[in-house]
Protein backbone atom coordinates (compact mmCIF):
# COMPACT_ATOMS: atom_id res chain seq x y z
CA MET A 1 -0.06 0.11 0.08
CA SER A 2 1.35 3.43 -0.95
CA ALA A 3 2.05 5.82 1.91
CA GLN A 4 -0.83 8.41 2.79
CA THR A 5 0.44 12.10 2.88
CA TRP A 6 -0.29 13.86 6.28
CA ARG A 7 0.65 17.12 7.53
CA LEU A 8 3.00 17.05 10.41
CA LEU A 9 2.50 20.31 12.32
CA ILE A 10 5.47 21.34 14.76
CA SER A 11 3.87 24.52 16.32
CA GLY A 12 5.83 25.11 19.34
CA SER A 13 4.30 26.82 22.49
CA ALA A 14 1.24 29.07 22.78
CA THR A 15 -1.48 30.11 25.14
CA GLY A 16 -4.32 27.69 26.27
CA ALA A 17 -6.91 29.45 24.04
CA ALA A 18 -4.59 29.41 20.90
CA ASN A 19 -3.85 25.76 21.15
CA MET A 20 -7.39 24.90 21.45
CA ALA A 21 -8.44 27.26 18.69
CA ILE A 22 -5.70 25.90 16.38
CA ASP A 23 -7.00 22.21 17.10
CA GLN A 24 -10.38 23.50 15.78
CA ALA A 25 -9.17 25.48 12.99
CA ILE A 26 -7.37 22.46 11.49
CA MET A 27 -10.45 20.00 12.29
CA GLU A 28 -12.60 22.33 10.40
CA ALA A 29 -10.17 22.57 7.37
CA VAL A 30 -9.83 18.85 7.25
CA ALA A 31 -13.47 18.23 7.42
CA GLU A 32 -13.93 20.66 4.60
CA GLY A 33 -11.21 19.25 2.50
CA ARG A 34 -8.95 22.09 2.37
CA ALA A 35 -6.15 20.48 4.65
CA ALA A 36 -4.50 17.18 4.59
CA PRO A 37 -5.00 14.78 7.69
CA THR A 38 -2.94 16.33 10.33
CA LEU A 39 -0.63 15.17 13.22
CA ARG A 40 0.27 18.38 15.51
CA PHE A 41 2.80 18.26 18.33
CA TYR A 42 2.49 21.40 20.50
CA ALA A 43 3.49 23.03 24.10
CA TRP A 44 1.97 25.35 26.51
CA ASP A 45 3.03 29.16 27.75
CA PRO A 46 2.12 29.79 30.28
CA PRO A 47 1.14 26.61 31.90
CA CYS A 48 -2.57 25.84 31.49
CA LEU A 49 -5.18 24.11 32.99
CA SER A 50 -7.69 22.49 30.56
CA LEU A 51 -11.23 21.60 31.45
CA GLY A 52 -13.18 18.85 30.02
CA TYR A 53 -16.15 20.33 27.81
CA THR A 54 -18.60 19.69 30.56
CA GLN A 55 -16.49 19.98 33.66
CA PRO A 56 -17.68 22.66 36.18
CA ILE A 57 -15.46 25.79 36.18
CA ASN A 58 -16.05 25.69 39.96
CA ASP A 59 -13.60 22.55 40.09
CA VAL A 60 -10.84 25.28 39.54
CA ASN A 61 -9.49 27.44 42.42
CA LEU A 62 -9.22 30.74 40.22
CA GLU A 63 -7.47 32.80 42.88
CA ARG A 64 -4.76 30.08 43.50
CA LEU A 65 -4.56 29.33 39.61
CA ASN A 66 -3.79 33.09 39.40
CA LEU A 67 -1.24 33.10 42.02
CA LEU A 68 0.56 30.30 40.52
CA GLY A 69 0.64 32.24 37.03
CA TRP A 70 -1.45 29.51 35.32
CA ASP A 71 -3.92 29.81 32.54
CA VAL A 72 -7.31 27.88 32.15
CA VAL A 73 -9.12 27.00 29.23
CA ARG A 74 -12.19 24.58 28.20
CA ARG A 75 -11.61 21.77 25.76
CA MET A 76 -14.07 20.89 23.04
CA THR A 77 -13.36 17.24 24.18
CA GLY A 78 -14.69 15.51 27.36
CA GLY A 79 -12.74 14.39 30.47
CA ARG A 80 -11.32 16.01 33.39
CA ALA A 81 -8.78 18.42 34.32
CA ILE A 82 -5.25 18.09 32.82
CA LEU A 83 -2.28 20.66 33.85
CA HIS A 84 -0.46 21.23 30.71
CA THR A 85 3.28 21.63 31.57
CA ASP A 86 6.54 19.99 30.70
CA GLU A 87 4.75 17.88 28.26
CA LEU A 88 4.33 16.95 24.73
CA THR A 89 1.06 17.51 23.44
CA TYR A 90 -0.38 16.04 20.48
CA SER A 91 -3.49 16.10 18.21
CA VAL A 92 -4.41 13.76 15.34
CA THR A 93 -7.02 15.19 13.05
CA VAL A 94 -8.82 13.27 10.19
CA ARG A 95 -11.87 13.22 8.13
CA ALA A 96 -14.77 10.91 9.73
CA ASP A 97 -14.25 8.23 7.09
CA ASN A 98 -10.50 7.73 7.57
CA PRO A 99 -9.75 4.15 8.42
CA ILE A 100 -7.80 5.17 11.35
CA VAL A 101 -10.89 6.30 13.26
CA ALA A 102 -13.39 3.60 11.93
CA GLY A 103 -15.71 2.21 14.52
CA ASP A 104 -16.53 4.06 17.86
CA ILE A 105 -14.31 6.03 20.03
CA VAL A 106 -13.04 3.13 21.90
CA ALA A 107 -11.87 1.15 18.82
CA SER A 108 -10.23 4.61 17.60
CA TYR A 109 -8.48 4.95 20.95
CA ARG A 110 -7.08 1.43 20.59
CA ARG A 111 -6.01 1.94 16.96
CA ILE A 112 -4.26 5.24 17.49
CA SER A 113 -2.60 4.28 20.73
CA ALA A 114 -0.61 1.70 18.88
CA ALA A 115 1.65 4.59 17.31
CA PHE A 116 2.28 5.74 20.75
CA VAL A 117 3.06 2.30 22.09
CA GLU A 118 5.54 1.65 19.45
CA GLY A 119 7.29 5.34 20.00
CA LEU A 120 7.37 4.56 23.81
CA ARG A 121 9.07 1.19 22.98
CA ARG A 122 11.60 3.00 21.09
CA PHE A 123 12.67 4.76 24.05
CA GLY A 124 12.88 1.46 25.90
CA ALA A 125 9.90 1.42 28.06
CA GLN A 126 7.15 -1.45 28.01
CA PRO A 127 3.99 0.39 27.94
CA GLU A 128 0.38 -1.21 27.76
CA ALA A 129 -2.78 0.03 26.10
CA ASP A 130 -5.43 -2.51 27.17
CA LYS A 131 -9.16 -2.03 27.88
CA ARG A 132 -9.45 -1.65 31.54
CA ALA A 133 -12.04 -3.85 33.60
CA ASP A 134 -11.06 -3.14 37.06
CA GLY A 135 -14.04 -0.53 37.75
CA ARG A 136 -11.86 2.28 38.63
CA ASN A 137 -13.27 4.47 36.12
CA GLY A 138 -16.07 5.23 38.45
CA SER A 139 -13.79 7.95 40.09
CA LYS A 140 -15.62 11.12 40.43
CA GLY A 141 -12.51 13.17 41.09
CA PRO A 142 -11.65 16.34 39.14
CA VAL A 143 -8.21 15.27 38.01
CA CYS A 144 -7.84 13.26 34.59
CA PHE A 145 -4.61 11.52 35.37
CA GLU A 146 -5.87 9.95 38.52
CA VAL A 147 -7.45 7.01 36.65
CA PRO A 148 -6.58 5.16 33.56
CA SER A 149 -9.36 4.87 30.79
CA HIS A 150 -9.86 2.31 28.28
CA TYR A 151 -7.11 1.95 25.98
CA GLU A 152 -5.02 4.95 27.47
CA ILE A 153 -1.43 4.28 27.63
CA THR A 154 0.19 3.28 30.96
CA LEU A 155 3.56 2.02 32.17
CA ASP A 156 3.83 -0.33 35.27
CA GLY A 157 0.08 0.25 35.89
CA LYS A 158 0.29 3.85 35.75
CA LYS A 159 -1.29 6.38 33.45
CA LEU A 160 1.19 8.02 31.05
CA ILE A 161 -0.80 9.35 28.00
CA GLY A 162 -3.99 10.64 28.30
CA SER A 163 -6.43 11.30 25.49
CA ALA A 164 -9.75 12.78 24.50
CA GLN A 165 -11.74 12.52 21.20
CA VAL A 166 -14.49 14.74 19.44
CA ARG A 167 -16.22 14.06 16.63
CA LYS A 168 -18.27 16.79 14.57
CA PHE A 169 -17.69 18.71 11.43
CA GLY A 170 -17.37 15.61 9.56
CA ALA A 171 -14.12 14.99 11.14
CA VAL A 172 -12.37 13.55 14.16
CA LEU A 173 -9.85 15.25 16.54
CA GLN A 174 -8.16 13.44 19.17
CA HIS A 175 -5.70 15.11 21.50
CA GLY A 176 -3.58 14.02 24.33
CA THR A 177 -0.53 14.61 26.50
CA LEU A 178 2.64 12.72 27.08
CA PRO A 179 3.91 14.12 30.48
CA LEU A 180 7.87 14.34 30.03
CA THR A 181 9.08 15.38 33.53
CA GLY A 182 7.92 17.47 36.73
CA ASP A 183 5.62 16.88 39.57
CA ILE A 184 2.74 15.29 38.12
CA ALA A 185 0.58 16.02 40.98
CA ARG A 186 1.06 19.90 40.59
CA ILE A 187 -2.56 20.07 39.28
CA CYS A 188 -3.88 19.68 42.75
CA ASP A 189 -2.49 22.99 43.86
CA ALA A 190 -5.02 24.93 41.49
CA LEU A 191 -8.03 22.84 42.17
CA VAL A 192 -10.98 23.21 44.81
CA PHE A 193 -10.86 21.01 47.77
CA SER A 194 -12.45 21.52 51.07
CA ASP A 195 -9.44 21.36 53.04
CA GLU A 196 -5.79 20.97 52.58
CA ASP A 197 -5.86 17.07 53.96
CA ARG A 198 -8.13 16.29 50.88
CA ARG A 199 -5.74 18.18 48.67
CA ALA A 200 -2.82 16.20 50.00
CA HIS A 201 -4.99 12.96 49.62
CA ALA A 202 -5.70 13.77 46.10
CA ARG A 203 -2.08 14.58 45.41
CA ALA A 204 -1.29 11.05 46.75
CA ARG A 205 -3.72 9.28 44.47
CA VAL A 206 -2.05 11.15 41.37
CA TYR A 207 1.26 9.72 42.41
CA GLU A 208 -0.33 6.31 42.77
CA ARG A 209 -1.74 6.27 39.75
CA ALA A 210 0.14 8.66 37.22
CA THR A 211 3.61 8.80 35.98
CA THR A 212 6.16 10.93 33.68
CA LEU A 213 8.55 9.48 31.06
CA GLU A 214 11.27 10.66 33.06
CA SER A 215 10.03 8.80 36.20
CA SER A 216 9.63 5.82 34.15
CA LEU A 217 13.04 5.72 32.05
CA GLY A 218 15.15 7.22 34.73
CA ARG A 219 16.26 9.94 32.34
CA ILE A 220 14.71 13.38 30.82
CA VAL A 221 13.48 13.15 27.28
CA SER A 222 13.52 16.55 25.72
CA TRP A 223 10.47 17.77 23.81
CA GLN A 224 12.27 17.77 20.51
CA GLU A 225 13.30 14.19 21.01
CA ALA A 226 9.98 12.92 22.08
CA THR A 227 8.50 14.69 18.94
CA ASP A 228 11.03 12.83 16.55
CA VAL A 229 10.52 9.58 17.92
CA ILE A 230 6.64 9.67 18.24
CA SER A 231 6.29 11.18 14.58
CA ALA A 232 8.58 8.35 13.21
CA ALA A 233 6.43 5.90 15.01
CA PHE A 234 3.32 7.45 13.87
CA ALA A 235 4.60 7.18 10.22
CA ASP A 236 5.68 3.78 10.33
CA THR A 237 2.67 2.53 12.21
CA PHE A 238 0.30 3.89 9.72
CA ASN A 239 2.44 4.05 6.44
CA VAL A 240 2.09 7.92 6.71
CA ALA A 241 4.44 10.14 4.78
CA PHE A 242 4.65 13.45 6.47
CA GLU A 243 4.71 17.05 4.92
CA THR A 244 6.38 18.90 7.92
CA ILE A 245 5.06 22.65 8.44
CA THR A 246 5.80 24.97 11.32
CA ALA A 247 2.88 27.17 10.75
CA LEU A 248 -0.73 27.11 9.59
CA PRO A 249 -1.80 28.34 6.08
CA PRO A 250 -3.28 31.82 6.19
CA ASP A 251 -7.11 30.57 6.25
CA GLU A 252 -6.64 28.14 9.01
CA ALA A 253 -4.40 30.75 11.02
CA ALA A 254 -7.00 33.36 10.46
CA ARG A 255 -9.83 31.11 11.79
CA ALA A 256 -7.86 30.18 14.77
CA GLU A 257 -7.46 34.06 15.74
CA ALA A 258 -11.33 34.42 15.34
CA LEU A 259 -11.76 31.51 17.41
CA ILE A 260 -9.52 32.75 20.13
CA SER A 261 -11.41 36.02 20.31
CA GLU A 262 -14.77 34.52 19.92
CA GLN A 263 -14.61 31.54 22.08
CA TYR A 264 -11.57 29.95 23.86
CA ALA A 265 -10.42 33.20 25.37
CA THR A 266 -14.15 34.21 26.68
CA THR A 267 -15.54 33.73 30.14
CA ASP A 268 -18.79 32.75 28.35
CA TRP A 269 -17.00 29.47 26.97
CA ASN A 270 -14.41 28.76 29.81
CA GLY A 271 -17.14 29.26 32.45
CA ARG A 272 -20.10 27.83 30.65
CA PHE A 273 -20.49 25.00 33.07
């Protein structure tokens, strides 16, 4: 089979509002046939707390968040809160009829996870991406990384890569995070707890159930190294030929700018639940 041609967008660091706007602008362009399927890698500046689409803004301690100098944005995907810092963030955007996303969300998670499992193996890790049946997904806490979900990637039983997906506009967007280094439980510093004992308990749960690539490998993997290895694994797994770009075309860039001001940077959007 001949290789598919995809875009590989290395877009560097941006605010939370900009990152979510760029993902949506790409999704719309792919759906309309104006852009090829796209794998994007990005980072966040400043660090940003992202909320799942229906997660209450009241989960966030905005005073503490501001003191820490962190941002907040609401994703168009579901799930619970993630603190984006010291990580490699990815998005995969394809038309809804692309074989990579055939079937339901769980089936496509499993398929896409194969590329990230292969990438982690190239670092010398032994990841797993199995359907969970232990009931732990019933947790109601606000932190995404407390509990692995179906086909999310774990090392030694601890969640490493968290992902979320949305299907709309005739396209599928899946984005997710690979924590590279740092304190995986820092997120608890910006969330609402009834007292400090409960905050400490939440931090302990995160340490028990989630990890970083540095903690697993015993060495720091740079953002660039992670980008290179994961993109190569993705290309090999799905027989993809990448055209690398470092900026959006003008039409997508203009749409992203509009989405920042009209949606992702607004209190109406971020505080809607």
